[in-house]
Amino acid sequence: SAAVLKSPKTRDADAESIANMKNVSEDVLRTITFRRDWMHRYGIMRAIVRNPRSPIDVTLSLILRLNAKDQKALSGDRNVPDAVRACARREVARKEA
């Protein structure tokens, strides 16, 4: 998977489908986050945040960039780590206050 991502022929849709996979390694997801042009796409960013295997240090910074609807959905998602869910819950409470 990492070799596919490094190929110049890899499209945004390919990166998004890989980010949505629940069985990819943490290194592959980290590789996706290193490409700026991919991280400007909202669908890829949302897929990285919602993936339970994504690195927490990357995920926590991306939560702030999600829209309110996705943050609220993430705050109740049991498939993501507790730290990610708690951060999303704090952001939802901060925006409502």
N, C-alpha and C. Protein backbone atom coordinates (compact mmCIF):
# COMPACT_ATOMS: atom_id res chain seq x y z
N SER A 1 0.82 -1.20 0.00
CA SER A 1 0.00 0.00 0.00
C SER A 1 0.86 1.26 0.00
N ALA A 2 1.97 1.23 0.72
CA ALA A 2 2.83 2.41 0.77
C ALA A 2 3.44 2.69 -0.59
N ALA A 3 3.79 1.65 -1.33
CA ALA A 3 4.37 1.84 -2.66
C ALA A 3 3.34 2.43 -3.62
N VAL A 4 2.10 2.05 -3.48
CA VAL A 4 1.04 2.58 -4.33
C VAL A 4 0.87 4.07 -4.07
N LEU A 5 0.95 4.47 -2.82
CA LEU A 5 0.77 5.88 -2.48
C LEU A 5 1.92 6.75 -2.99
N LYS A 6 3.10 6.18 -3.12
CA LYS A 6 4.24 6.95 -3.59
C LYS A 6 4.27 7.09 -5.10
N SER A 7 3.44 6.35 -5.79
CA SER A 7 3.40 6.42 -7.23
C SER A 7 2.79 7.76 -7.67
N PRO A 8 3.34 8.39 -8.68
CA PRO A 8 2.78 9.67 -9.14
C PRO A 8 1.43 9.51 -9.84
N LYS A 9 1.06 8.29 -10.19
CA LYS A 9 -0.22 8.05 -10.85
C LYS A 9 -1.37 7.84 -9.87
N THR A 10 -1.07 7.84 -8.60
CA THR A 10 -2.11 7.64 -7.60
C THR A 10 -2.98 8.89 -7.54
N ARG A 11 -4.28 8.70 -7.67
CA ARG A 11 -5.22 9.82 -7.69
C ARG A 11 -5.79 10.07 -6.29
N ASP A 12 -6.51 11.17 -6.16
CA ASP A 12 -7.14 11.52 -4.89
C ASP A 12 -8.16 10.46 -4.47
N ALA A 13 -8.89 9.95 -5.42
CA ALA A 13 -9.91 8.93 -5.11
C ALA A 13 -9.27 7.65 -4.57
N ASP A 14 -8.10 7.31 -5.10
CA ASP A 14 -7.39 6.13 -4.60
C ASP A 14 -6.95 6.35 -3.15
N ALA A 15 -6.43 7.52 -2.88
CA ALA A 15 -5.99 7.84 -1.52
C ALA A 15 -7.16 7.83 -0.55
N GLU A 16 -8.30 8.33 -1.00
CA GLU A 16 -9.48 8.33 -0.13
C GLU A 16 -9.98 6.92 0.15
N SER A 17 -9.95 6.05 -0.85
CA SER A 17 -10.41 4.68 -0.63
C SER A 17 -9.44 3.93 0.30
N ILE A 18 -8.15 4.21 0.19
CA ILE A 18 -7.19 3.59 1.11
C ILE A 18 -7.39 4.13 2.52
N ALA A 19 -7.66 5.41 2.66
CA ALA A 19 -7.89 6.00 3.98
C ALA A 19 -9.15 5.46 4.64
N ASN A 20 -10.11 5.03 3.84
CA ASN A 20 -11.34 4.47 4.38
C ASN A 20 -11.20 3.02 4.82
N MET A 21 -10.15 2.35 4.38
CA MET A 21 -9.94 0.94 4.74
C MET A 21 -9.59 0.81 6.21
N LYS A 22 -10.22 -0.12 6.87
CA LYS A 22 -9.98 -0.32 8.30
C LYS A 22 -8.81 -1.25 8.58
N ASN A 23 -8.26 -1.89 7.55
CA ASN A 23 -7.20 -2.86 7.78
C ASN A 23 -5.84 -2.40 7.24
N VAL A 24 -5.65 -1.13 7.00
CA VAL A 24 -4.35 -0.63 6.56
C VAL A 24 -3.50 -0.29 7.78
N SER A 25 -2.20 -0.25 7.57
CA SER A 25 -1.31 0.02 8.70
C SER A 25 -1.27 1.52 9.01
N GLU A 26 -0.80 1.81 10.19
CA GLU A 26 -0.68 3.19 10.65
C GLU A 26 0.30 3.97 9.78
N ASP A 27 1.34 3.31 9.29
CA ASP A 27 2.33 3.97 8.44
C ASP A 27 1.74 4.44 7.12
N VAL A 28 0.84 3.66 6.56
CA VAL A 28 0.20 4.04 5.30
C VAL A 28 -0.67 5.28 5.51
N LEU A 29 -1.42 5.30 6.60
CA LEU A 29 -2.26 6.45 6.89
C LEU A 29 -1.41 7.70 7.17
N ARG A 30 -0.28 7.50 7.83
CA ARG A 30 0.62 8.62 8.08
C ARG A 30 1.21 9.15 6.76
N THR A 31 1.48 8.24 5.83
CA THR A 31 1.99 8.65 4.52
C THR A 31 0.98 9.51 3.78
N ILE A 32 -0.28 9.17 3.89
CA ILE A 32 -1.33 9.97 3.25
C ILE A 32 -1.35 11.37 3.84
N THR A 33 -1.17 11.48 5.15
CA THR A 33 -1.25 12.80 5.78
C THR A 33 -0.05 13.68 5.43
N PHE A 34 1.04 13.09 4.96
CA PHE A 34 2.20 13.89 4.58
C PHE A 34 2.02 14.60 3.24
N ARG A 35 1.07 14.16 2.43
CA ARG A 35 0.85 14.80 1.13
C ARG A 35 -0.13 15.95 1.31
N ARG A 36 0.35 17.17 1.13
CA ARG A 36 -0.49 18.35 1.33
C ARG A 36 -1.67 18.41 0.38
N ASP A 37 -1.44 18.06 -0.87
CA ASP A 37 -2.54 18.15 -1.84
C ASP A 37 -3.67 17.19 -1.50
N TRP A 38 -3.37 16.07 -0.88
CA TRP A 38 -4.43 15.16 -0.45
C TRP A 38 -5.13 15.66 0.80
N MET A 39 -4.41 16.28 1.70
CA MET A 39 -5.02 16.73 2.95
C MET A 39 -5.88 17.98 2.76
N HIS A 40 -5.80 18.60 1.61
CA HIS A 40 -6.70 19.72 1.31
C HIS A 40 -8.08 19.22 0.90
N ARG A 41 -8.19 17.94 0.58
CA ARG A 41 -9.48 17.35 0.23
C ARG A 41 -10.20 16.93 1.50
N TYR A 42 -11.43 17.42 1.67
CA TYR A 42 -12.17 17.18 2.90
C TYR A 42 -12.50 15.70 3.08
N GLY A 43 -12.82 15.00 2.03
CA GLY A 43 -13.18 13.58 2.13
C GLY A 43 -12.03 12.74 2.64
N ILE A 44 -10.82 13.03 2.20
CA ILE A 44 -9.66 12.28 2.66
C ILE A 44 -9.39 12.59 4.12
N MET A 45 -9.49 13.86 4.47
CA MET A 45 -9.24 14.27 5.86
C MET A 45 -10.26 13.60 6.80
N ARG A 46 -11.52 13.59 6.40
CA ARG A 46 -12.56 12.97 7.22
C ARG A 46 -12.33 11.47 7.35
N ALA A 47 -11.89 10.83 6.27
CA ALA A 47 -11.63 9.38 6.31
C ALA A 47 -10.47 9.06 7.24
N ILE A 48 -9.44 9.89 7.26
CA ILE A 48 -8.31 9.69 8.17
C ILE A 48 -8.77 9.80 9.62
N VAL A 49 -9.57 10.80 9.91
CA VAL A 49 -10.02 11.01 11.30
C VAL A 49 -10.92 9.87 11.75
N ARG A 50 -11.77 9.36 10.88
CA ARG A 50 -12.71 8.32 11.28
C ARG A 50 -12.11 6.92 11.28
N ASN A 51 -10.90 6.77 10.78
CA ASN A 51 -10.26 5.46 10.74
C ASN A 51 -9.70 5.13 12.13
N PRO A 52 -10.08 4.00 12.71
CA PRO A 52 -9.60 3.66 14.06
C PRO A 52 -8.10 3.39 14.13
N ARG A 53 -7.46 3.12 13.01
CA ARG A 53 -6.02 2.83 13.01
C ARG A 53 -5.16 4.06 12.73
N SER A 54 -5.77 5.20 12.51
CA SER A 54 -4.97 6.38 12.19
C SER A 54 -4.22 6.85 13.43
N PRO A 55 -3.04 7.43 13.24
CA PRO A 55 -2.23 7.89 14.38
C PRO A 55 -2.95 9.01 15.14
N ILE A 56 -2.98 8.89 16.44
CA ILE A 56 -3.73 9.84 17.26
C ILE A 56 -3.13 11.24 17.17
N ASP A 57 -1.81 11.35 17.10
CA ASP A 57 -1.21 12.69 17.04
C ASP A 57 -1.63 13.43 15.77
N VAL A 58 -1.83 12.73 14.69
CA VAL A 58 -2.29 13.36 13.45
C VAL A 58 -3.78 13.65 13.52
N THR A 59 -4.52 12.71 14.08
CA THR A 59 -5.97 12.82 14.12
C THR A 59 -6.44 13.99 14.98
N LEU A 60 -5.79 14.21 16.10
CA LEU A 60 -6.23 15.26 17.01
C LEU A 60 -6.14 16.64 16.36
N SER A 61 -5.14 16.87 15.55
CA SER A 61 -5.03 18.18 14.90
C SER A 61 -6.04 18.33 13.77
N LEU A 62 -6.46 17.23 13.18
CA LEU A 62 -7.42 17.29 12.08
C LEU A 62 -8.86 17.49 12.56
N ILE A 63 -9.14 17.13 13.79
CA ILE A 63 -10.50 17.27 14.32
C ILE A 63 -10.94 18.73 14.27
N LEU A 64 -10.03 19.64 14.51
CA LEU A 64 -10.37 21.06 14.51
C LEU A 64 -10.79 21.54 13.13
N ARG A 65 -10.36 20.86 12.08
CA ARG A 65 -10.69 21.27 10.71
C ARG A 65 -12.00 20.68 10.20
N LEU A 66 -12.60 19.75 10.94
CA LEU A 66 -13.86 19.16 10.52
C LEU A 66 -15.01 20.13 10.74
N ASN A 67 -16.09 19.96 9.98
CA ASN A 67 -17.26 20.82 10.22
C ASN A 67 -18.01 20.32 11.45
N ALA A 68 -18.94 21.11 11.92
CA ALA A 68 -19.64 20.83 13.18
C ALA A 68 -20.42 19.52 13.11
N LYS A 69 -21.01 19.22 11.98
CA LYS A 69 -21.80 17.99 11.84
C LYS A 69 -20.91 16.76 12.00
N ASP A 70 -19.74 16.77 11.37
CA ASP A 70 -18.83 15.63 11.48
C ASP A 70 -18.21 15.54 12.87
N GLN A 71 -17.96 16.67 13.51
CA GLN A 71 -17.43 16.64 14.87
C GLN A 71 -18.45 16.04 15.83
N LYS A 72 -19.71 16.38 15.64
CA LYS A 72 -20.75 15.83 16.51
C LYS A 72 -20.89 14.32 16.29
N ALA A 73 -20.82 13.87 15.03
CA ALA A 73 -20.90 12.44 14.75
C ALA A 73 -19.69 11.71 15.32
N LEU A 74 -18.53 12.34 15.26
CA LEU A 74 -17.31 11.73 15.77
C LEU A 74 -17.32 11.63 17.29
N SER A 75 -17.98 12.57 17.94
CA SER A 75 -18.01 12.55 19.40
C SER A 75 -18.78 11.37 19.96
N GLY A 76 -19.62 10.75 19.15
CA GLY A 76 -20.36 9.58 19.60
C GLY A 76 -19.94 8.29 18.94
N ASP A 77 -18.92 8.34 18.09
CA ASP A 77 -18.46 7.17 17.35
C ASP A 77 -17.63 6.27 18.25
N ARG A 78 -18.08 5.03 18.46
CA ARG A 78 -17.37 4.10 19.34
C ARG A 78 -16.21 3.39 18.64
N ASN A 79 -16.05 3.59 17.33
CA ASN A 79 -14.98 2.92 16.60
C ASN A 79 -13.66 3.68 16.64
N VAL A 80 -13.67 4.91 17.10
CA VAL A 80 -12.44 5.70 17.17
C VAL A 80 -11.89 5.64 18.59
N PRO A 81 -10.60 5.91 18.79
CA PRO A 81 -10.03 5.89 20.14
C PRO A 81 -10.69 6.93 21.07
N ASP A 82 -10.60 6.67 22.37
CA ASP A 82 -11.23 7.53 23.36
C ASP A 82 -10.70 8.96 23.31
N ALA A 83 -9.42 9.13 23.06
CA ALA A 83 -8.84 10.47 23.01
C ALA A 83 -9.43 11.29 21.85
N VAL A 84 -9.65 10.65 20.74
CA VAL A 84 -10.24 11.33 19.58
C VAL A 84 -11.68 11.70 19.88
N ARG A 85 -12.41 10.78 20.46
CA ARG A 85 -13.80 11.05 20.81
C ARG A 85 -13.92 12.18 21.82
N ALA A 86 -13.03 12.19 22.81
CA ALA A 86 -13.06 13.24 23.83
C ALA A 86 -12.72 14.61 23.23
N CYS A 87 -11.77 14.65 22.32
CA CYS A 87 -11.42 15.91 21.68
C CYS A 87 -12.59 16.43 20.84
N ALA A 88 -13.25 15.54 20.13
CA ALA A 88 -14.41 15.95 19.34
C ALA A 88 -15.53 16.44 20.24
N ARG A 89 -15.71 15.78 21.37
CA ARG A 89 -16.74 16.19 22.32
C ARG A 89 -16.45 17.58 22.88
N ARG A 90 -15.17 17.86 23.17
CA ARG A 90 -14.78 19.20 23.66
C ARG A 90 -15.04 20.27 22.62
N GLU A 91 -14.75 19.97 21.36
CA GLU A 91 -14.98 20.95 20.29
C GLU A 91 -16.46 21.22 20.11
N VAL A 92 -17.28 20.19 20.19
CA VAL A 92 -18.74 20.37 20.05
C VAL A 92 -19.23 21.24 21.21
N ALA A 93 -18.77 20.97 22.42
CA ALA A 93 -19.21 21.77 23.59
C ALA A 93 -18.71 23.20 23.48
N ARG A 94 -17.51 23.40 22.94
CA ARG A 94 -16.96 24.75 22.81
C ARG A 94 -17.75 25.56 21.79
N LYS A 95 -18.17 24.92 20.72
CA LYS A 95 -18.94 25.63 19.68
C LYS A 95 -20.36 25.92 20.12
N GLU A 96 -20.92 25.06 20.97
CA GLU A 96 -22.28 25.29 21.45
C GLU A 96 -22.35 26.35 22.52
N ALA A 97 -21.25 26.56 23.22
CA ALA A 97 -21.24 27.54 24.32
C ALA A 97 -21.06 28.94 23.82
